Amino acid sequence: MYKRTFLFFFSLTIIAIMIVSQSFVSPTITDDCKENIRSEANKRKSHFFGLNCMNCHKEGRPGKGCFTVAGSVMDEARGKIYKNPVIKLYTEPKAGGKLVATIQGDKSGNFYTTDSIDFSMGLFPTLIGTTGAAVPIKHMNRPIFRGNCNSCHGYKSESLGID
């Protein structure tokens, strides 16, 4: 009971902070999807950890560039940001088939790219984890057909107990 109450109020606090911080973001709308942007290891260029990046980083929205894949990664205990994550997209489960893309995350725990990626046949993500973790490599066993990872794995899904 205590854990659910805590998660509920924690989620509300995060949402309130995000809403307030969004009010300081310039409402200028851009539609330049031709810009090539990628997250890089040990760089700290991203923001809004845990939010669905694609809400802003798409055509007609204020985010710079149109992301094809983006998200955030927490450590195995879900207690802190996992810095410099590596996400690989394969054509078959458990890192099988052809490697389609590798996205290197940044120091803020976010990963993103505007590279053209074909999701039409479904792709299987693999997260390369930290040394010493109980499960150092994590695979999604079901294919994904879009790259907005935080739409399922962000703050909102955490508060609902969705993994």
C-alpha atoms as a PDB file:
ATOM      1  CA  MET A   1       0.000   0.000   0.000  1.00  0.00           C
ATOM      2  CA  TYR A   2       2.777   2.395   0.988  1.00  0.00           C
ATOM      3  CA  LYS A   3       4.712   1.602  -2.197  1.00  0.00           C
ATOM      4  CA  ARG A   4       1.695   2.325  -4.418  1.00  0.00           C
ATOM      5  CA  THR A   5       0.981   5.583  -2.604  1.00  0.00           C
ATOM      6  CA  PHE A   6       4.620   6.609  -2.926  1.00  0.00           C
ATOM      7  CA  LEU A   7       4.696   5.750  -6.645  1.00  0.00           C
ATOM      8  CA  PHE A   8       1.462   7.666  -7.205  1.00  0.00           C
ATOM      9  CA  PHE A   9       2.729  10.839  -5.505  1.00  0.00           C
ATOM     10  CA  PHE A  10       6.172  10.445  -7.052  1.00  0.00           C
ATOM     11  CA  SER A  11       4.570  10.232 -10.515  1.00  0.00           C
ATOM     12  CA  LEU A  12       2.398  13.288  -9.821  1.00  0.00           C
ATOM     13  CA  THR A  13       5.469  15.234  -8.687  1.00  0.00           C
ATOM     14  CA  ILE A  14       7.412  14.279 -11.828  1.00  0.00           C
ATOM     15  CA  ILE A  15       4.477  15.257 -14.048  1.00  0.00           C
ATOM     16  CA  ALA A  16       4.117  18.605 -12.247  1.00  0.00           C
ATOM     17  CA  ILE A  17       7.840  19.310 -12.671  1.00  0.00           C
ATOM     18  CA  MET A  18       7.627  18.420 -16.362  1.00  0.00           C
ATOM     19  CA  ILE A  19       4.627  20.694 -16.915  1.00  0.00           C
ATOM     20  CA  VAL A  20       6.302  23.609 -15.148  1.00  0.00           C
ATOM     21  CA  SER A  21       9.586  23.067 -17.015  1.00  0.00           C
ATOM     22  CA  GLN A  22       7.727  22.860 -20.347  1.00  0.00           C
ATOM     23  CA  SER A  23       6.370  26.360 -19.716  1.00  0.00           C
ATOM     24  CA  PHE A  24       9.942  27.678 -19.987  1.00  0.00           C
ATOM     25  CA  VAL A  25      10.540  25.976 -23.335  1.00  0.00           C
ATOM     26  CA  SER A  26      10.171  28.210 -26.354  1.00  0.00           C
ATOM     27  CA  PRO A  27       6.906  27.491 -28.205  1.00  0.00           C
ATOM     28  CA  THR A  28       8.608  28.050 -31.573  1.00  0.00           C
ATOM     29  CA  ILE A  29       7.523  25.322 -33.971  1.00  0.00           C
ATOM     30  CA  THR A  30      10.122  23.809 -36.280  1.00  0.00           C
ATOM     31  CA  ASP A  31       9.593  21.433 -39.143  1.00  0.00           C
ATOM     32  CA  ASP A  32      13.184  20.755 -40.148  1.00  0.00           C
ATOM     33  CA  CYS A  33      13.283  16.954 -40.237  1.00  0.00           C
ATOM     34  CA  LYS A  34      16.336  16.980 -42.474  1.00  0.00           C
ATOM     35  CA  GLU A  35      18.691  17.634 -39.561  1.00  0.00           C
ATOM     36  CA  ASN A  36      20.793  14.601 -38.622  1.00  0.00           C
ATOM     37  CA  ILE A  37      21.028  14.230 -34.822  1.00  0.00           C
ATOM     38  CA  ARG A  38      22.351  11.326 -32.716  1.00  0.00           C
ATOM     39  CA  SER A  39      23.067  10.861 -29.036  1.00  0.00           C
ATOM     40  CA  GLU A  40      26.729  10.270 -28.213  1.00  0.00           C
ATOM     41  CA  ALA A  41      28.526   8.550 -25.349  1.00  0.00           C
ATOM     42  CA  ASN A  42      29.765  10.830 -22.561  1.00  0.00           C
ATOM     43  CA  LYS A  43      27.924  13.857 -24.003  1.00  0.00           C
ATOM     44  CA  ARG A  44      25.187  15.579 -22.025  1.00  0.00           C
ATOM     45  CA  LYS A  45      22.984  17.156 -24.678  1.00  0.00           C
ATOM     46  CA  SER A  46      19.583  15.640 -23.887  1.00  0.00           C
ATOM     47  CA  HIS A  47      16.847  16.512 -21.407  1.00  0.00           C
ATOM     48  CA  PHE A  48      13.517  15.363 -19.931  1.00  0.00           C
ATOM     49  CA  PHE A  49      14.625  11.852 -18.932  1.00  0.00           C
ATOM     50  CA  GLY A  50      11.735   9.373 -19.079  1.00  0.00           C
ATOM     51  CA  LEU A  51       9.394  11.440 -21.256  1.00  0.00           C
ATOM     52  CA  ASN A  52       8.263  10.378 -24.713  1.00  0.00           C
ATOM     53  CA  CYS A  53      10.835  12.216 -26.845  1.00  0.00           C
ATOM     54  CA  MET A  54       8.665  11.888 -29.943  1.00  0.00           C
ATOM     55  CA  ASN A  55       6.067  14.250 -28.461  1.00  0.00           C
ATOM     56  CA  CYS A  56       8.373  17.141 -29.385  1.00  0.00           C
ATOM     57  CA  HIS A  57      10.958  15.697 -31.779  1.00  0.00           C
ATOM     58  CA  LYS A  58       8.730  15.187 -34.811  1.00  0.00           C
ATOM     59  CA  GLU A  59       7.538  17.262 -37.734  1.00  0.00           C
ATOM     60  CA  GLY A  60       5.517  20.295 -36.718  1.00  0.00           C
ATOM     61  CA  ARG A  61       6.659  20.205 -33.075  1.00  0.00           C
ATOM     62  CA  PRO A  62       9.231  22.372 -31.253  1.00  0.00           C
ATOM     63  CA  GLY A  63      11.950  19.721 -30.772  1.00  0.00           C
ATOM     64  CA  LYS A  64      15.074  19.904 -32.918  1.00  0.00           C
ATOM     65  CA  GLY A  65      15.106  17.045 -35.444  1.00  0.00           C
ATOM     66  CA  CYS A  66      12.628  14.242 -36.095  1.00  0.00           C
ATOM     67  CA  PHE A  67      13.673  11.217 -34.055  1.00  0.00           C
ATOM     68  CA  THR A  68      13.141   7.711 -35.411  1.00  0.00           C
ATOM     69  CA  VAL A  69      14.285   6.014 -32.189  1.00  0.00           C
ATOM     70  CA  ALA A  70      14.493   7.613 -28.742  1.00  0.00           C
ATOM     71  CA  GLY A  71      14.136   6.727 -25.084  1.00  0.00           C
ATOM     72  CA  SER A  72      15.684   6.637 -21.616  1.00  0.00           C
ATOM     73  CA  VAL A  73      17.334   3.868 -19.609  1.00  0.00           C
ATOM     74  CA  MET A  74      17.472   3.325 -15.840  1.00  0.00           C
ATOM     75  CA  ASP A  75      19.840   0.937 -14.088  1.00  0.00           C
ATOM     76  CA  GLU A  76      18.761  -2.600 -13.264  1.00  0.00           C
ATOM     77  CA  ALA A  77      17.351  -1.612  -9.855  1.00  0.00           C
ATOM     78  CA  ARG A  78      15.448   1.281 -11.474  1.00  0.00           C
ATOM     79  CA  GLY A  79      16.989   3.571  -8.922  1.00  0.00           C
ATOM     80  CA  LYS A  80      19.177   5.820 -11.048  1.00  0.00           C
ATOM     81  CA  ILE A  81      19.980   6.819 -14.609  1.00  0.00           C
ATOM     82  CA  TYR A  82      21.977   4.321 -16.644  1.00  0.00           C
ATOM     83  CA  LYS A  83      24.593   6.467 -18.380  1.00  0.00           C
ATOM     84  CA  ASN A  84      25.720   5.798 -21.950  1.00  0.00           C
ATOM     85  CA  PRO A  85      23.308   2.951 -22.787  1.00  0.00           C
ATOM     86  CA  VAL A  86      23.703   1.027 -26.044  1.00  0.00           C
ATOM     87  CA  ILE A  87      20.577  -0.068 -27.906  1.00  0.00           C
ATOM     88  CA  LYS A  88      20.834  -2.467 -30.848  1.00  0.00           C
ATOM     89  CA  LEU A  89      17.972  -3.275 -33.225  1.00  0.00           C
ATOM     90  CA  TYR A  90      17.917  -6.715 -34.872  1.00  0.00           C
ATOM     91  CA  THR A  91      15.652  -8.433 -37.382  1.00  0.00           C
ATOM     92  CA  GLU A  92      15.190 -11.489 -35.107  1.00  0.00           C
ATOM     93  CA  PRO A  93      14.780 -12.032 -31.338  1.00  0.00           C
ATOM     94  CA  LYS A  94      17.707 -12.274 -28.906  1.00  0.00           C
ATOM     95  CA  ALA A  95      20.190 -10.416 -31.101  1.00  0.00           C
ATOM     96  CA  GLY A  96      19.502 -12.730 -34.024  1.00  0.00           C
ATOM     97  CA  GLY A  97      19.316 -12.028 -37.721  1.00  0.00           C
ATOM     98  CA  LYS A  98      20.711  -8.830 -39.139  1.00  0.00           C
ATOM     99  CA  LEU A  99      21.849  -5.890 -36.992  1.00  0.00           C
ATOM    100  CA  VAL A 100      19.880  -2.937 -38.390  1.00  0.00           C
ATOM    101  CA  ALA A 101      21.007  -0.117 -36.076  1.00  0.00           C
ATOM    102  CA  THR A 102      23.116   0.654 -33.031  1.00  0.00           C
ATOM    103  CA  ILE A 103      22.164   3.713 -30.978  1.00  0.00           C
ATOM    104  CA  GLN A 104      24.698   4.916 -28.409  1.00  0.00           C
ATOM    105  CA  GLY A 105      23.098   6.784 -25.516  1.00  0.00           C
ATOM    106  CA  ASP A 106      24.453   9.821 -23.701  1.00  0.00           C
ATOM    107  CA  LYS A 107      25.550  10.706 -20.183  1.00  0.00           C
ATOM    108  CA  SER A 108      21.971  11.704 -19.301  1.00  0.00           C
ATOM    109  CA  GLY A 109      20.724   8.148 -19.916  1.00  0.00           C
ATOM    110  CA  ASN A 110      18.856   9.119 -23.080  1.00  0.00           C
ATOM    111  CA  PHE A 111      19.341   7.718 -26.582  1.00  0.00           C
ATOM    112  CA  TYR A 112      18.037   9.167 -29.844  1.00  0.00           C
ATOM    113  CA  THR A 113      18.641   9.271 -33.573  1.00  0.00           C
ATOM    114  CA  THR A 114      17.131  10.789 -36.685  1.00  0.00           C
ATOM    115  CA  ASP A 115      18.671   8.077 -38.877  1.00  0.00           C
ATOM    116  CA  SER A 116      16.232   6.412 -41.246  1.00  0.00           C
ATOM    117  CA  ILE A 117      15.245   3.016 -39.804  1.00  0.00           C
ATOM    118  CA  ASP A 118      12.753   0.651 -41.432  1.00  0.00           C
ATOM    119  CA  PHE A 119      10.402  -0.790 -38.799  1.00  0.00           C
ATOM    120  CA  SER A 120       7.928  -2.250 -41.318  1.00  0.00           C
ATOM    121  CA  MET A 121       8.870  -5.900 -40.631  1.00  0.00           C
ATOM    122  CA  GLY A 122       9.360  -5.320 -36.902  1.00  0.00           C
ATOM    123  CA  LEU A 123      12.667  -5.011 -35.069  1.00  0.00           C
ATOM    124  CA  PHE A 124      13.874  -6.586 -31.825  1.00  0.00           C
ATOM    125  CA  PRO A 125      15.693  -4.254 -29.386  1.00  0.00           C
ATOM    126  CA  THR A 126      18.626  -5.379 -27.264  1.00  0.00           C
ATOM    127  CA  LEU A 127      20.006  -3.289 -24.396  1.00  0.00           C
ATOM    128  CA  ILE A 128      23.671  -3.822 -23.661  1.00  0.00           C
ATOM    129  CA  GLY A 129      23.872  -3.631 -19.862  1.00  0.00           C
ATOM    130  CA  THR A 130      26.461  -2.952 -17.249  1.00  0.00           C
ATOM    131  CA  THR A 131      29.141  -5.382 -16.145  1.00  0.00           C
ATOM    132  CA  GLY A 132      28.097  -7.119 -12.945  1.00  0.00           C
ATOM    133  CA  ALA A 133      24.353  -6.747 -13.552  1.00  0.00           C
ATOM    134  CA  ALA A 134      22.246  -9.854 -12.941  1.00  0.00           C
ATOM    135  CA  VAL A 135      21.207  -9.745 -16.597  1.00  0.00           C
ATOM    136  CA  PRO A 136      23.879  -7.724 -18.465  1.00  0.00           C
ATOM    137  CA  ILE A 137      22.109  -7.944 -21.831  1.00  0.00           C
ATOM    138  CA  LYS A 138      18.350  -7.489 -22.049  1.00  0.00           C
ATOM    139  CA  HIS A 139      16.278  -8.447 -25.093  1.00  0.00           C
ATOM    140  CA  MET A 140      12.708  -7.613 -26.048  1.00  0.00           C
ATOM    141  CA  ASN A 141      11.125 -10.832 -27.266  1.00  0.00           C
ATOM    142  CA  ARG A 142       8.376  -9.099 -29.217  1.00  0.00           C
ATOM    143  CA  PRO A 143       9.030  -6.930 -32.260  1.00  0.00           C
ATOM    144  CA  ILE A 144       8.537  -3.186 -32.214  1.00  0.00           C
ATOM    145  CA  PHE A 145       7.157  -1.246 -35.146  1.00  0.00           C
ATOM    146  CA  ARG A 146       8.090   2.257 -33.985  1.00  0.00           C
ATOM    147  CA  GLY A 147      10.961   3.758 -32.038  1.00  0.00           C
ATOM    148  CA  ASN A 148       9.263   5.858 -29.367  1.00  0.00           C
ATOM    149  CA  CYS A 149      10.465   3.689 -26.478  1.00  0.00           C
ATOM    150  CA  ASN A 150       9.332   5.989 -23.646  1.00  0.00           C
ATOM    151  CA  SER A 151       5.724   5.774 -24.799  1.00  0.00           C
ATOM    152  CA  CYS A 152       5.726   2.381 -23.030  1.00  0.00           C
ATOM    153  CA  HIS A 153       8.831   2.494 -20.807  1.00  0.00           C
ATOM    154  CA  GLY A 154       8.693   6.082 -19.465  1.00  0.00           C
ATOM    155  CA  TYR A 155       7.522   7.579 -16.160  1.00  0.00           C
ATOM    156  CA  LYS A 156       3.835   6.971 -16.806  1.00  0.00           C
ATOM    157  CA  SER A 157       4.349   3.260 -17.451  1.00  0.00           C
ATOM    158  CA  GLU A 158       6.581   2.952 -14.356  1.00  0.00           C
ATOM    159  CA  SER A 159       3.772   4.262 -12.129  1.00  0.00           C
ATOM    160  CA  LEU A 160       1.369   1.739 -13.623  1.00  0.00           C
ATOM    161  CA  GLY A 161       3.742  -1.166 -13.087  1.00  0.00           C
ATOM    162  CA  ILE A 162       4.210  -1.784 -16.812  1.00  0.00           C
ATOM    163  CA  ASP A 163       7.611  -3.098 -17.803  1.00  0.00           C
END
